[in-house]
PDB file of N, CA and C in Angstrom:
ATOM      1  N   MET A   1       0.815  -1.148  -0.027  1.00  0.00           N
ATOM      2  CA  MET A   1      -0.018  -0.012  -0.019  1.00  0.00           C
ATOM      3  C   MET A   1       0.847   1.240  -0.046  1.00  0.00           C
ATOM      4  N   SER A   2       0.554   2.210  -0.816  1.00  0.00           N
ATOM      5  CA  SER A   2       1.383   3.350  -0.939  1.00  0.00           C
ATOM      6  C   SER A   2       1.130   4.356   0.215  1.00  0.00           C
ATOM      7  N   ASP A   3       2.178   5.096   0.613  1.00  0.00           N
ATOM      8  CA  ASP A   3       2.043   6.062   1.686  1.00  0.00           C
ATOM      9  C   ASP A   3       1.827   7.487   1.140  1.00  0.00           C
ATOM     10  N   ARG A   4       1.631   7.515  -0.189  1.00  0.00           N
ATOM     11  CA  ARG A   4       1.400   8.876  -0.832  1.00  0.00           C
ATOM     12  C   ARG A   4       0.015   9.417  -0.548  1.00  0.00           C
ATOM     13  N   LYS A   5      -0.004  10.618  -0.400  1.00  0.00           N
ATOM     14  CA  LYS A   5      -1.315  11.335  -0.219  1.00  0.00           C
ATOM     15  C   LYS A   5      -1.793  11.920  -1.480  1.00  0.00           C
ATOM     16  N   LYS A   6      -3.023  12.376  -1.482  1.00  0.00           N
ATOM     17  CA  LYS A   6      -3.677  13.049  -2.671  1.00  0.00           C
ATOM     18  C   LYS A   6      -3.808  14.520  -2.543  1.00  0.00           C
ATOM     19  N   ALA A   7      -3.357  15.317  -3.479  1.00  0.00           N
ATOM     20  CA  ALA A   7      -3.514  16.706  -3.452  1.00  0.00           C
ATOM     21  C   ALA A   7      -4.264  17.133  -4.687  1.00  0.00           C
ATOM     22  N   LEU A   8      -4.999  18.288  -4.505  1.00  0.00           N
ATOM     23  CA  LEU A   8      -5.610  18.938  -5.649  1.00  0.00           C
ATOM     24  C   LEU A   8      -4.939  20.326  -5.786  1.00  0.00           C
ATOM     25  N   VAL A   9      -4.466  20.628  -6.962  1.00  0.00           N
ATOM     26  CA  VAL A   9      -3.836  21.934  -7.203  1.00  0.00           C
ATOM     27  C   VAL A   9      -4.744  22.689  -8.192  1.00  0.00           C
ATOM     28  N   ALA A  10      -5.184  23.932  -7.789  1.00  0.00           N
ATOM     29  CA  ALA A  10      -6.027  24.681  -8.639  1.00  0.00           C
ATOM     30  C   ALA A  10      -5.311  26.014  -8.890  1.00  0.00           C
ATOM     31  N   ASP A  11      -4.987  26.274 -10.119  1.00  0.00           N
ATOM     32  CA  ASP A  11      -4.303  27.553 -10.552  1.00  0.00           C
ATOM     33  C   ASP A  11      -4.507  27.700 -11.991  1.00  0.00           C
ATOM     34  N   ASP A  12      -4.754  28.955 -12.504  1.00  0.00           N
ATOM     35  CA  ASP A  12      -5.150  29.104 -13.889  1.00  0.00           C
ATOM     36  C   ASP A  12      -3.820  29.110 -14.760  1.00  0.00           C
ATOM     37  N   VAL A  13      -2.675  29.189 -14.122  1.00  0.00           N
ATOM     38  CA  VAL A  13      -1.422  29.184 -14.869  1.00  0.00           C
ATOM     39  C   VAL A  13      -0.849  27.858 -14.939  1.00  0.00           C
ATOM     40  N   GLU A  14      -0.701  27.219 -16.152  1.00  0.00           N
ATOM     41  CA  GLU A  14      -0.256  25.864 -16.273  1.00  0.00           C
ATOM     42  C   GLU A  14       1.153  25.651 -15.683  1.00  0.00           C
ATOM     43  N   ALA A  15       2.027  26.643 -15.910  1.00  0.00           N
ATOM     44  CA  ALA A  15       3.448  26.495 -15.298  1.00  0.00           C
ATOM     45  C   ALA A  15       3.323  26.375 -13.760  1.00  0.00           C
ATOM     46  N   ASN A  16       2.478  27.082 -13.123  1.00  0.00           N
ATOM     47  CA  ASN A  16       2.388  26.989 -11.728  1.00  0.00           C
ATOM     48  C   ASN A  16       1.830  25.683 -11.226  1.00  0.00           C
ATOM     49  N   ARG A  17       0.844  25.168 -11.998  1.00  0.00           N
ATOM     50  CA  ARG A  17       0.264  23.847 -11.668  1.00  0.00           C
ATOM     51  C   ARG A  17       1.356  22.785 -11.827  1.00  0.00           C
ATOM     52  N   THR A  18       2.130  22.798 -12.906  1.00  0.00           N
ATOM     53  CA  THR A  18       3.155  21.862 -13.119  1.00  0.00           C
ATOM     54  C   THR A  18       4.289  21.816 -11.987  1.00  0.00           C
ATOM     55  N   MET A  19       4.628  23.046 -11.616  1.00  0.00           N
ATOM     56  CA  MET A  19       5.691  23.236 -10.629  1.00  0.00           C
ATOM     57  C   MET A  19       5.201  22.724  -9.315  1.00  0.00           C
ATOM     58  N   LEU A  20       3.940  23.081  -8.921  1.00  0.00           N
ATOM     59  CA  LEU A  20       3.450  22.650  -7.671  1.00  0.00           C
ATOM     60  C   LEU A  20       3.347  21.125  -7.601  1.00  0.00           C
ATOM     61  N   LYS A  21       2.884  20.520  -8.749  1.00  0.00           N
ATOM     62  CA  LYS A  21       2.739  19.126  -8.831  1.00  0.00           C
ATOM     63  C   LYS A  21       4.080  18.448  -8.540  1.00  0.00           C
ATOM     64  N   THR A  22       5.172  19.027  -9.060  1.00  0.00           N
ATOM     65  CA  THR A  22       6.503  18.473  -8.885  1.00  0.00           C
ATOM     66  C   THR A  22       6.906  18.627  -7.423  1.00  0.00           C
ATOM     67  N   PHE A  23       6.729  19.837  -6.848  1.00  0.00           N
ATOM     68  CA  PHE A  23       7.096  20.044  -5.404  1.00  0.00           C
ATOM     69  C   PHE A  23       6.294  19.087  -4.520  1.00  0.00           C
ATOM     70  N   LEU A  24       5.034  18.994  -4.809  1.00  0.00           N
ATOM     71  CA  LEU A  24       4.182  18.018  -3.973  1.00  0.00           C
ATOM     72  C   LEU A  24       4.559  16.585  -4.092  1.00  0.00           C
ATOM     73  N   TYR A  25       4.968  16.178  -5.363  1.00  0.00           N
ATOM     74  CA  TYR A  25       5.457  14.800  -5.534  1.00  0.00           C
ATOM     75  C   TYR A  25       6.603  14.516  -4.644  1.00  0.00           C
ATOM     76  N   PHE A  26       7.561  15.348  -4.542  1.00  0.00           N
ATOM     77  CA  PHE A  26       8.605  15.072  -3.655  1.00  0.00           C
ATOM     78  C   PHE A  26       8.317  15.193  -2.175  1.00  0.00           C
ATOM     79  N   ALA A  27       7.165  15.707  -1.872  1.00  0.00           N
ATOM     80  CA  ALA A  27       6.603  15.753  -0.546  1.00  0.00           C
ATOM     81  C   ALA A  27       5.610  14.563  -0.277  1.00  0.00           C
ATOM     82  N   HIS A  28       5.632  13.546  -1.227  1.00  0.00           N
ATOM     83  CA  HIS A  28       4.865  12.339  -1.134  1.00  0.00           C
ATOM     84  C   HIS A  28       3.349  12.556  -1.424  1.00  0.00           C
ATOM     85  N   PHE A  29       3.079  13.440  -2.317  1.00  0.00           N
ATOM     86  CA  PHE A  29       1.677  13.680  -2.824  1.00  0.00           C
ATOM     87  C   PHE A  29       1.640  13.345  -4.247  1.00  0.00           C
ATOM     88  N   ASP A  30       0.523  12.682  -4.653  1.00  0.00           N
ATOM     89  CA  ASP A  30       0.104  12.679  -6.097  1.00  0.00           C
ATOM     90  C   ASP A  30      -0.913  13.676  -6.226  1.00  0.00           C
ATOM     91  N   SER A  31      -0.900  14.411  -7.306  1.00  0.00           N
ATOM     92  CA  SER A  31      -1.760  15.620  -7.503  1.00  0.00           C
ATOM     93  C   SER A  31      -2.624  15.484  -8.702  1.00  0.00           C
ATOM     94  N   ASP A  32      -3.895  15.909  -8.569  1.00  0.00           N
ATOM     95  CA  ASP A  32      -4.797  16.223  -9.612  1.00  0.00           C
ATOM     96  C   ASP A  32      -4.750  17.730  -9.852  1.00  0.00           C
ATOM     97  N   LEU A  33      -4.973  18.167 -11.134  1.00  0.00           N
ATOM     98  CA  LEU A  33      -4.847  19.604 -11.415  1.00  0.00           C
ATOM     99  C   LEU A  33      -6.117  20.136 -11.960  1.00  0.00           C
ATOM    100  N   ALA A  34      -6.359  21.370 -11.567  1.00  0.00           N
ATOM    101  CA  ALA A  34      -7.643  22.149 -11.995  1.00  0.00           C
ATOM    102  C   ALA A  34      -7.147  23.480 -12.493  1.00  0.00           C
ATOM    103  N   ALA A  35      -7.730  23.968 -13.600  1.00  0.00           N
ATOM    104  CA  ALA A  35      -7.383  25.255 -14.150  1.00  0.00           C
ATOM    105  C   ALA A  35      -8.162  26.376 -13.552  1.00  0.00           C
ATOM    106  N   ASP A  36      -9.156  26.092 -12.792  1.00  0.00           N
ATOM    107  CA  ASP A  36      -9.877  27.158 -12.168  1.00  0.00           C
ATOM    108  C   ASP A  36     -10.693  26.570 -10.906  1.00  0.00           C
ATOM    109  N   GLY A  37     -11.315  27.403 -10.183  1.00  0.00           N
ATOM    110  CA  GLY A  37     -12.058  26.895  -8.969  1.00  0.00           C
ATOM    111  C   GLY A  37     -13.228  26.016  -9.243  1.00  0.00           C
ATOM    112  N   LEU A  38     -13.925  26.333 -10.385  1.00  0.00           N
ATOM    113  CA  LEU A  38     -15.011  25.484 -10.741  1.00  0.00           C
ATOM    114  C   LEU A  38     -14.602  24.052 -11.110  1.00  0.00           C
ATOM    115  N   GLU A  39     -13.497  23.893 -11.816  1.00  0.00           N
ATOM    116  CA  GLU A  39     -12.978  22.528 -12.076  1.00  0.00           C
ATOM    117  C   GLU A  39     -12.454  21.882 -10.760  1.00  0.00           C
ATOM    118  N   ALA A  40     -11.877  22.708  -9.897  1.00  0.00           N
ATOM    119  CA  ALA A  40     -11.541  22.089  -8.616  1.00  0.00           C
ATOM    120  C   ALA A  40     -12.679  21.633  -7.810  1.00  0.00           C
ATOM    121  N   ARG A  41     -13.792  22.433  -7.862  1.00  0.00           N
ATOM    122  CA  ARG A  41     -15.006  22.014  -7.051  1.00  0.00           C
ATOM    123  C   ARG A  41     -15.572  20.743  -7.615  1.00  0.00           C
ATOM    124  N   ARG A  42     -15.648  20.593  -8.992  1.00  0.00           N
ATOM    125  CA  ARG A  42     -16.107  19.314  -9.554  1.00  0.00           C
ATOM    126  C   ARG A  42     -15.224  18.087  -9.158  1.00  0.00           C
ATOM    127  N   LEU A  43     -13.867  18.339  -9.112  1.00  0.00           N
ATOM    128  CA  LEU A  43     -13.003  17.240  -8.644  1.00  0.00           C
ATOM    129  C   LEU A  43     -13.271  16.872  -7.159  1.00  0.00           C
ATOM    130  N   LEU A  44     -13.482  17.886  -6.374  1.00  0.00           N
ATOM    131  CA  LEU A  44     -13.717  17.724  -4.926  1.00  0.00           C
ATOM    132  C   LEU A  44     -15.056  17.051  -4.591  1.00  0.00           C
ATOM    133  N   GLU A  45     -15.991  17.223  -5.580  1.00  0.00           N
ATOM    134  CA  GLU A  45     -17.308  16.523  -5.447  1.00  0.00           C
ATOM    135  C   GLU A  45     -17.191  15.118  -5.742  1.00  0.00           C
ATOM    136  N   GLY A  46     -16.210  14.702  -6.555  1.00  0.00           N
ATOM    137  CA  GLY A  46     -16.155  13.346  -7.033  1.00  0.00           C
ATOM    138  C   GLY A  46     -15.006  12.419  -6.408  1.00  0.00           C
ATOM    139  N   LYS A  47     -14.117  13.104  -5.571  1.00  0.00           N
ATOM    140  CA  LYS A  47     -12.986  12.439  -5.148  1.00  0.00           C
ATOM    141  C   LYS A  47     -12.623  12.927  -3.803  1.00  0.00           C
ATOM    142  N   SER A  48     -11.827  12.128  -3.010  1.00  0.00           N
ATOM    143  CA  SER A  48     -11.328  12.544  -1.713  1.00  0.00           C
ATOM    144  C   SER A  48      -9.888  13.017  -1.847  1.00  0.00           C
ATOM    145  N   PHE A  49      -9.528  14.183  -1.286  1.00  0.00           N
ATOM    146  CA  PHE A  49      -8.154  14.674  -1.209  1.00  0.00           C
ATOM    147  C   PHE A  49      -7.740  14.938   0.143  1.00  0.00           C
ATOM    148  N   ASP A  50      -6.388  14.812   0.400  1.00  0.00           N
ATOM    149  CA  ASP A  50      -5.780  15.137   1.727  1.00  0.00           C
ATOM    150  C   ASP A  50      -5.445  16.550   1.839  1.00  0.00           C
ATOM    151  N   LEU A  51      -5.291  17.222   0.720  1.00  0.00           N
ATOM    152  CA  LEU A  51      -4.869  18.631   0.727  1.00  0.00           C
ATOM    153  C   LEU A  51      -5.397  19.346  -0.542  1.00  0.00           C
ATOM    154  N   VAL A  52      -5.665  20.596  -0.470  1.00  0.00           N
ATOM    155  CA  VAL A  52      -5.958  21.420  -1.655  1.00  0.00           C
ATOM    156  C   VAL A  52      -5.022  22.611  -1.581  1.00  0.00           C
ATOM    157  N   VAL A  53      -4.402  22.945  -2.726  1.00  0.00           N
ATOM    158  CA  VAL A  53      -3.593  24.104  -2.994  1.00  0.00           C
ATOM    159  C   VAL A  53      -4.259  24.929  -4.017  1.00  0.00           C
ATOM    160  N   THR A  54      -4.594  26.169  -3.647  1.00  0.00           N
ATOM    161  CA  THR A  54      -5.400  26.996  -4.644  1.00  0.00           C
ATOM    162  C   THR A  54      -4.885  28.366  -4.735  1.00  0.00           C
ATOM    163  N   ASP A  55      -4.971  28.881  -5.941  1.00  0.00           N
ATOM    164  CA  ASP A  55      -4.743  30.285  -6.239  1.00  0.00           C
ATOM    165  C   ASP A  55      -5.979  31.059  -5.871  1.00  0.00           C
ATOM    166  N   ILE A  56      -5.896  32.375  -5.702  1.00  0.00           N
ATOM    167  CA  ILE A  56      -7.023  33.220  -5.468  1.00  0.00           C
ATOM    168  C   ILE A  56      -7.661  33.668  -6.809  1.00  0.00           C
ATOM    169  N   GLU A  57      -6.842  34.377  -7.657  1.00  0.00           N
ATOM    170  CA  GLU A  57      -7.314  34.933  -8.821  1.00  0.00           C
ATOM    171  C   GLU A  57      -7.400  33.943  -9.959  1.00  0.00           C
ATOM    172  N   MET A  58      -8.606  33.402 -10.230  1.00  0.00           N
ATOM    173  CA  MET A  58      -8.804  32.446 -11.231  1.00  0.00           C
ATOM    174  C   MET A  58     -10.164  32.708 -11.894  1.00  0.00           C
ATOM    175  N   PRO A  59     -10.369  32.334 -13.161  1.00  0.00           N
ATOM    176  CA  PRO A  59     -11.632  32.519 -13.864  1.00  0.00           C
ATOM    177  C   PRO A  59     -12.657  31.457 -13.302  1.00  0.00           C
ATOM    178  N   ASN A  60     -13.938  31.854 -13.629  1.00  0.00           N
ATOM    179  CA  ASN A  60     -15.079  30.922 -13.355  1.00  0.00           C
ATOM    180  C   ASN A  60     -15.469  30.822 -11.878  1.00  0.00           C
ATOM    181  N   MET A  61     -14.504  30.505 -11.007  1.00  0.00           N
ATOM    182  CA  MET A  61     -14.786  30.503  -9.619  1.00  0.00           C
ATOM    183  C   MET A  61     -13.320  30.771  -8.959  1.00  0.00           C
ATOM    184  N   ASN A  62     -13.223  31.893  -8.224  1.00  0.00           N
ATOM    185  CA  ASN A  62     -11.928  32.250  -7.680  1.00  0.00           C
ATOM    186  C   ASN A  62     -11.690  31.442  -6.394  1.00  0.00           C
ATOM    187  N   GLY A  63     -10.470  31.646  -5.846  1.00  0.00           N
ATOM    188  CA  GLY A  63     -10.060  30.894  -4.613  1.00  0.00           C
ATOM    189  C   GLY A  63     -10.938  31.265  -3.422  1.00  0.00           C
ATOM    190  N   PHE A  64     -11.390  32.510  -3.283  1.00  0.00           N
ATOM    191  CA  PHE A  64     -12.239  32.870  -2.181  1.00  0.00           C
ATOM    192  C   PHE A  64     -13.505  32.063  -2.221  1.00  0.00           C
ATOM    193  N   GLU A  65     -14.164  32.066  -3.458  1.00  0.00           N
ATOM    194  CA  GLU A  65     -15.403  31.296  -3.677  1.00  0.00           C
ATOM    195  C   GLU A  65     -15.185  29.777  -3.407  1.00  0.00           C
ATOM    196  N   LEU A  66     -14.028  29.233  -3.840  1.00  0.00           N
ATOM    197  CA  LEU A  66     -13.830  27.856  -3.642  1.00  0.00           C
ATOM    198  C   LEU A  66     -13.681  27.520  -2.159  1.00  0.00           C
ATOM    199  N   LEU A  67     -12.945  28.358  -1.427  1.00  0.00           N
ATOM    200  CA  LEU A  67     -12.801  28.217   0.080  1.00  0.00           C
ATOM    201  C   LEU A  67     -14.150  28.381   0.725  1.00  0.00           C
ATOM    202  N   ALA A  68     -14.977  29.307   0.354  1.00  0.00           N
ATOM    203  CA  ALA A  68     -16.314  29.444   0.965  1.00  0.00           C
ATOM    204  C   ALA A  68     -17.133  28.224   0.770  1.00  0.00           C
ATOM    205  N   TRP A  69     -17.075  27.655  -0.482  1.00  0.00           N
ATOM    206  CA  TRP A  69     -17.876  26.464  -0.793  1.00  0.00           C
ATOM    207  C   TRP A  69     -17.369  25.314   0.026  1.00  0.00           C
ATOM    208  N   MET A  70     -15.981  25.187   0.133  1.00  0.00           N
ATOM    209  CA  MET A  70     -15.509  24.082   0.921  1.00  0.00           C
ATOM    210  C   MET A  70     -15.909  24.117   2.405  1.00  0.00           C
ATOM    211  N   LYS A  71     -15.881  25.373   2.901  1.00  0.00           N
ATOM    212  CA  LYS A  71     -16.180  25.541   4.335  1.00  0.00           C
ATOM    213  C   LYS A  71     -17.554  25.182   4.643  1.00  0.00           C
ATOM    214  N   LYS A  72     -18.524  25.290   3.727  1.00  0.00           N
ATOM    215  CA  LYS A  72     -19.967  24.971   3.998  1.00  0.00           C
ATOM    216  C   LYS A  72     -20.292  23.608   3.537  1.00  0.00           C
ATOM    217  N   THR A  73     -19.370  22.843   2.968  1.00  0.00           N
ATOM    218  CA  THR A  73     -19.592  21.496   2.406  1.00  0.00           C
ATOM    219  C   THR A  73     -18.998  20.475   3.354  1.00  0.00           C
ATOM    220  N   PRO A  74     -19.836  19.771   4.127  1.00  0.00           N
ATOM    221  CA  PRO A  74     -19.276  18.874   5.163  1.00  0.00           C
ATOM    222  C   PRO A  74     -18.264  17.889   4.605  1.00  0.00           C
ATOM    223  N   ALA A  75     -18.452  17.323   3.440  1.00  0.00           N
ATOM    224  CA  ALA A  75     -17.447  16.300   2.919  1.00  0.00           C
ATOM    225  C   ALA A  75     -15.982  16.777   2.712  1.00  0.00           C
ATOM    226  N   VAL A  76     -15.857  18.048   2.629  1.00  0.00           N
ATOM    227  CA  VAL A  76     -14.598  18.675   2.352  1.00  0.00           C
ATOM    228  C   VAL A  76     -14.215  19.834   3.349  1.00  0.00           C
ATOM    229  N   ALA A  77     -15.022  20.154   4.243  1.00  0.00           N
ATOM    230  CA  ALA A  77     -14.852  21.282   5.170  1.00  0.00           C
ATOM    231  C   ALA A  77     -13.596  21.071   6.012  1.00  0.00           C
ATOM    232  N   LYS A  78     -13.153  19.899   6.274  1.00  0.00           N
ATOM    233  CA  LYS A  78     -11.931  19.755   7.100  1.00  0.00           C
ATOM    234  C   LYS A  78     -10.711  19.518   6.262  1.00  0.00           C
ATOM    235  N   THR A  79     -10.743  19.501   4.961  1.00  0.00           N
ATOM    236  CA  THR A  79      -9.548  19.326   4.115  1.00  0.00           C
ATOM    237  C   THR A  79      -8.681  20.548   4.209  1.00  0.00           C
ATOM    238  N   PRO A  80      -7.423  20.361   4.571  1.00  0.00           N
ATOM    239  CA  PRO A  80      -6.488  21.464   4.714  1.00  0.00           C
ATOM    240  C   PRO A  80      -6.308  22.137   3.354  1.00  0.00           C
ATOM    241  N   VAL A  81      -6.208  23.505   3.390  1.00  0.00           N
ATOM    242  CA  VAL A  81      -6.094  24.324   2.149  1.00  0.00           C
ATOM    243  C   VAL A  81      -4.863  25.255   2.302  1.00  0.00           C
ATOM    244  N   ILE A  82      -4.026  25.202   1.388  1.00  0.00           N
ATOM    245  CA  ILE A  82      -2.948  26.153   1.280  1.00  0.00           C
ATOM    246  C   ILE A  82      -3.254  27.131   0.096  1.00  0.00           C
ATOM    247  N   VAL A  83      -3.311  28.400   0.355  1.00  0.00           N
ATOM    248  CA  VAL A  83      -3.632  29.337  -0.718  1.00  0.00           C
ATOM    249  C   VAL A  83      -2.310  29.910  -1.172  1.00  0.00           C
ATOM    250  N   LEU A  84      -2.220  30.186  -2.451  1.00  0.00           N
ATOM    251  CA  LEU A  84      -1.007  30.903  -2.976  1.00  0.00           C
ATOM    252  C   LEU A  84      -1.562  31.974  -3.941  1.00  0.00           C
ATOM    253  N   SER A  85      -0.965  33.189  -3.810  1.00  0.00           N
ATOM    254  CA  SER A  85      -1.453  34.302  -4.659  1.00  0.00           C
ATOM    255  C   SER A  85      -0.449  35.421  -4.693  1.00  0.00           C
ATOM    256  N   SER A  86      -0.585  36.166  -5.687  1.00  0.00           N
ATOM    257  CA  SER A  86       0.267  37.430  -5.716  1.00  0.00           C
ATOM    258  C   SER A  86      -0.305  38.518  -4.873  1.00  0.00           C
ATOM    259  N   LEU A  87      -1.459  38.369  -4.433  1.00  0.00           N
ATOM    260  CA  LEU A  87      -2.087  39.321  -3.515  1.00  0.00           C
ATOM    261  C   LEU A  87      -1.503  39.216  -2.127  1.00  0.00           C
ATOM    262  N   GLU A  88      -0.993  40.268  -1.547  1.00  0.00           N
ATOM    263  CA  GLU A  88      -0.374  40.130  -0.212  1.00  0.00           C
ATOM    264  C   GLU A  88      -0.820  41.019   0.735  1.00  0.00           C
ATOM    265  N   SER A  89      -2.021  41.666   0.647  1.00  0.00           N
ATOM    266  CA  SER A  89      -2.568  42.546   1.606  1.00  0.00           C
ATOM    267  C   SER A  89      -3.031  41.845   2.871  1.00  0.00           C
ATOM    268  N   PRO A  90      -2.880  42.460   4.062  1.00  0.00           N
ATOM    269  CA  PRO A  90      -3.344  41.843   5.313  1.00  0.00           C
ATOM    270  C   PRO A  90      -4.826  41.432   5.268  1.00  0.00           C
ATOM    271  N   ASP A  91      -5.640  42.240   4.544  1.00  0.00           N
ATOM    272  CA  ASP A  91      -7.093  41.959   4.427  1.00  0.00           C
ATOM    273  C   ASP A  91      -7.265  40.567   3.675  1.00  0.00           C
ATOM    274  N   VAL A  92      -6.485  40.309   2.592  1.00  0.00           N
ATOM    275  CA  VAL A  92      -6.597  39.082   1.876  1.00  0.00           C
ATOM    276  C   VAL A  92      -6.219  37.911   2.733  1.00  0.00           C
ATOM    277  N   LEU A  93      -5.171  38.034   3.371  1.00  0.00           N
ATOM    278  CA  LEU A  93      -4.679  36.971   4.338  1.00  0.00           C
ATOM    279  C   LEU A  93      -5.707  36.689   5.352  1.00  0.00           C
ATOM    280  N   GLU A  94      -6.270  37.738   5.952  1.00  0.00           N
ATOM    281  CA  GLU A  94      -7.268  37.498   7.004  1.00  0.00           C
ATOM    282  C   GLU A  94      -8.581  36.865   6.450  1.00  0.00           C
ATOM    283  N   ARG A  95      -8.943  37.268   5.240  1.00  0.00           N
ATOM    284  CA  ARG A  95     -10.126  36.611   4.630  1.00  0.00           C
ATOM    285  C   ARG A  95      -9.851  35.147   4.362  1.00  0.00           C
ATOM    286  N   CYS A  96      -8.648  34.798   4.003  1.00  0.00           N
ATOM    287  CA  CYS A  96      -8.329  33.407   3.785  1.00  0.00           C
ATOM    288  C   CYS A  96      -8.359  32.569   5.020  1.00  0.00           C
ATOM    289  N   ARG A  97      -7.788  33.135   6.076  1.00  0.00           N
ATOM    290  CA  ARG A  97      -7.857  32.504   7.392  1.00  0.00           C
ATOM    291  C   ARG A  97      -9.292  32.296   7.868  1.00  0.00           C
ATOM    292  N   LYS A  98     -10.068  33.305   7.673  1.00  0.00           N
ATOM    293  CA  LYS A  98     -11.440  33.238   8.168  1.00  0.00           C
ATOM    294  C   LYS A  98     -12.251  32.118   7.329  1.00  0.00           C
ATOM    295  N   LEU A  99     -11.816  31.963   6.105  1.00  0.00           N
ATOM    296  CA  LEU A  99     -12.380  30.939   5.300  1.00  0.00           C
ATOM    297  C   LEU A  99     -11.841  29.465   5.515  1.00  0.00           C
ATOM    298  N   GLY A 100     -10.864  29.439   6.506  1.00  0.00           N
ATOM    299  CA  GLY A 100     -10.358  28.172   6.812  1.00  0.00           C
ATOM    300  C   GLY A 100      -8.953  27.767   6.221  1.00  0.00           C
ATOM    301  N   ALA A 101      -8.246  28.655   5.528  1.00  0.00           N
ATOM    302  CA  ALA A 101      -6.987  28.255   4.942  1.00  0.00           C
ATOM    303  C   ALA A 101      -5.953  27.875   6.007  1.00  0.00           C
ATOM    304  N   ALA A 102      -5.195  26.893   5.808  1.00  0.00           N
ATOM    305  CA  ALA A 102      -4.145  26.494   6.784  1.00  0.00           C
ATOM    306  C   ALA A 102      -2.958  27.432   6.651  1.00  0.00           C
ATOM    307  N   ASP A 103      -2.608  27.865   5.454  1.00  0.00           N
ATOM    308  CA  ASP A 103      -1.480  28.803   5.249  1.00  0.00           C
ATOM    309  C   ASP A 103      -1.670  29.484   3.918  1.00  0.00           C
ATOM    310  N   TYR A 104      -0.795  30.502   3.756  1.00  0.00           N
ATOM    311  CA  TYR A 104      -0.897  31.393   2.610  1.00  0.00           C
ATOM    312  C   TYR A 104       0.463  31.686   2.124  1.00  0.00           C
ATOM    313  N   ILE A 105       0.724  31.446   0.816  1.00  0.00           N
ATOM    314  CA  ILE A 105       2.023  31.588   0.218  1.00  0.00           C
ATOM    315  C   ILE A 105       1.845  32.763  -0.772  1.00  0.00           C
ATOM    316  N   VAL A 106       2.797  33.761  -0.634  1.00  0.00           N
ATOM    317  CA  VAL A 106       2.774  34.849  -1.635  1.00  0.00           C
ATOM    318  C   VAL A 106       3.651  34.464  -2.795  1.00  0.00           C
ATOM    319  N   LYS A 107       3.172  34.604  -3.954  1.00  0.00           N
ATOM    320  CA  LYS A 107       3.897  34.399  -5.180  1.00  0.00           C
ATOM    321  C   LYS A 107       5.037  35.402  -5.391  1.00  0.00           C
ATOM    322  N   PRO A 108       6.133  35.088  -5.963  1.00  0.00           N
ATOM    323  CA  PRO A 108       6.543  33.782  -6.469  1.00  0.00           C
ATOM    324  C   PRO A 108       6.768  32.746  -5.357  1.00  0.00           C
ATOM    325  N   PHE A 109       6.445  31.517  -5.589  1.00  0.00           N
ATOM    326  CA  PHE A 109       6.573  30.469  -4.628  1.00  0.00           C
ATOM    327  C   PHE A 109       7.868  29.689  -4.897  1.00  0.00           C
ATOM    328  N   SER A 110       8.332  28.985  -3.905  1.00  0.00           N
ATOM    329  CA  SER A 110       9.478  28.118  -4.039  1.00  0.00           C
ATOM    330  C   SER A 110       9.244  26.818  -3.313  1.00  0.00           C
ATOM    331  N   LYS A 111      10.047  25.875  -3.544  1.00  0.00           N
ATOM    332  CA  LYS A 111       9.961  24.563  -2.917  1.00  0.00           C
ATOM    333  C   LYS A 111       9.984  24.706  -1.375  1.00  0.00           C
ATOM    334  N   GLU A 112      10.844  25.647  -0.951  1.00  0.00           N
ATOM    335  CA  GLU A 112      10.991  25.863   0.560  1.00  0.00           C
ATOM    336  C   GLU A 112       9.745  26.454   1.142  1.00  0.00           C
ATOM    337  N   LYS A 113       9.099  27.450   0.324  1.00  0.00           N
ATOM    338  CA  LYS A 113       7.788  27.977   0.863  1.00  0.00           C
ATOM    339  C   LYS A 113       6.740  26.935   0.846  1.00  0.00           C
ATOM    340  N   VAL A 114       6.690  26.113  -0.159  1.00  0.00           N
ATOM    341  CA  VAL A 114       5.670  25.073  -0.175  1.00  0.00           C
ATOM    342  C   VAL A 114       5.903  24.002   0.998  1.00  0.00           C
ATOM    343  N   ASP A 115       7.138  23.612   1.153  1.00  0.00           N
ATOM    344  CA  ASP A 115       7.455  22.665   2.314  1.00  0.00           C
ATOM    345  C   ASP A 115       7.016  23.269   3.666  1.00  0.00           C
ATOM    346  N   ALA A 116       7.366  24.561   3.793  1.00  0.00           N
ATOM    347  CA  ALA A 116       7.032  25.247   5.076  1.00  0.00           C
ATOM    348  C   ALA A 116       5.535  25.233   5.310  1.00  0.00           C
ATOM    349  N   ALA A 117       4.836  25.567   4.198  1.00  0.00           N
ATOM    350  CA  ALA A 117       3.331  25.570   4.215  1.00  0.00           C
ATOM    351  C   ALA A 117       2.711  24.168   4.607  1.00  0.00           C
ATOM    352  N   LEU A 118       3.348  23.138   3.992  1.00  0.00           N
ATOM    353  CA  LEU A 118       2.880  21.761   4.206  1.00  0.00           C
ATOM    354  C   LEU A 118       3.088  21.393   5.672  1.00  0.00           C
ATOM    355  N   ALA A 119       4.250  21.789   6.217  1.00  0.00           N
ATOM    356  CA  ALA A 119       4.511  21.533   7.572  1.00  0.00           C
ATOM    357  C   ALA A 119       3.530  22.240   8.526  1.00  0.00           C
ATOM    358  N   LYS A 120       3.170  23.491   8.204  1.00  0.00           N
ATOM    359  CA  LYS A 120       2.193  24.230   8.990  1.00  0.00           C
ATOM    360  C   LYS A 120       0.847  23.598   8.884  1.00  0.00           C
ATOM    361  N   ALA A 121       0.529  22.973   7.685  1.00  0.00           N
ATOM    362  CA  ALA A 121      -0.743  22.360   7.538  1.00  0.00           C
ATOM    363  C   ALA A 121      -0.781  20.949   8.118  1.00  0.00           C
ATOM    364  N   GLY A 122       0.317  20.483   8.660  1.00  0.00           N
ATOM    365  CA  GLY A 122       0.361  19.201   9.338  1.00  0.00           C
ATOM    366  C   GLY A 122       0.927  18.045   8.605  1.00  0.00           C
ATOM    367  N   PHE A 123       1.571  18.304   7.418  1.00  0.00           N
ATOM    368  CA  PHE A 123       2.146  17.269   6.655  1.00  0.00           C
ATOM    369  C   PHE A 123       3.621  17.205   6.760  1.00  0.00           C
TER     370      PHE A 123
END
């Protein structure tokens, strides 16, 4: 039996999704990828994940909307979420925390930032 965990990465920039998938792979996660919050929601409705990593600024459903939906959806409400975004105002960080985010990474991100956020989220 594999000790790998399942992550969902939602970001509208393909290069970010690919880089996050690689960083998460080395942290013992297999990742599904979503190009926006709506695609992420569909994946969350059909599968179980140990972690969600999401951008804020995405088309169709942004990261705030995804977090709000997750918080009110019992099946995924306790799934740890790491937010990453180029937005770095205290108001944005506070909003993410209130919506249940375990940590917040300001872009540009690095493997070290992702590893630190994973540790903060309990992985």
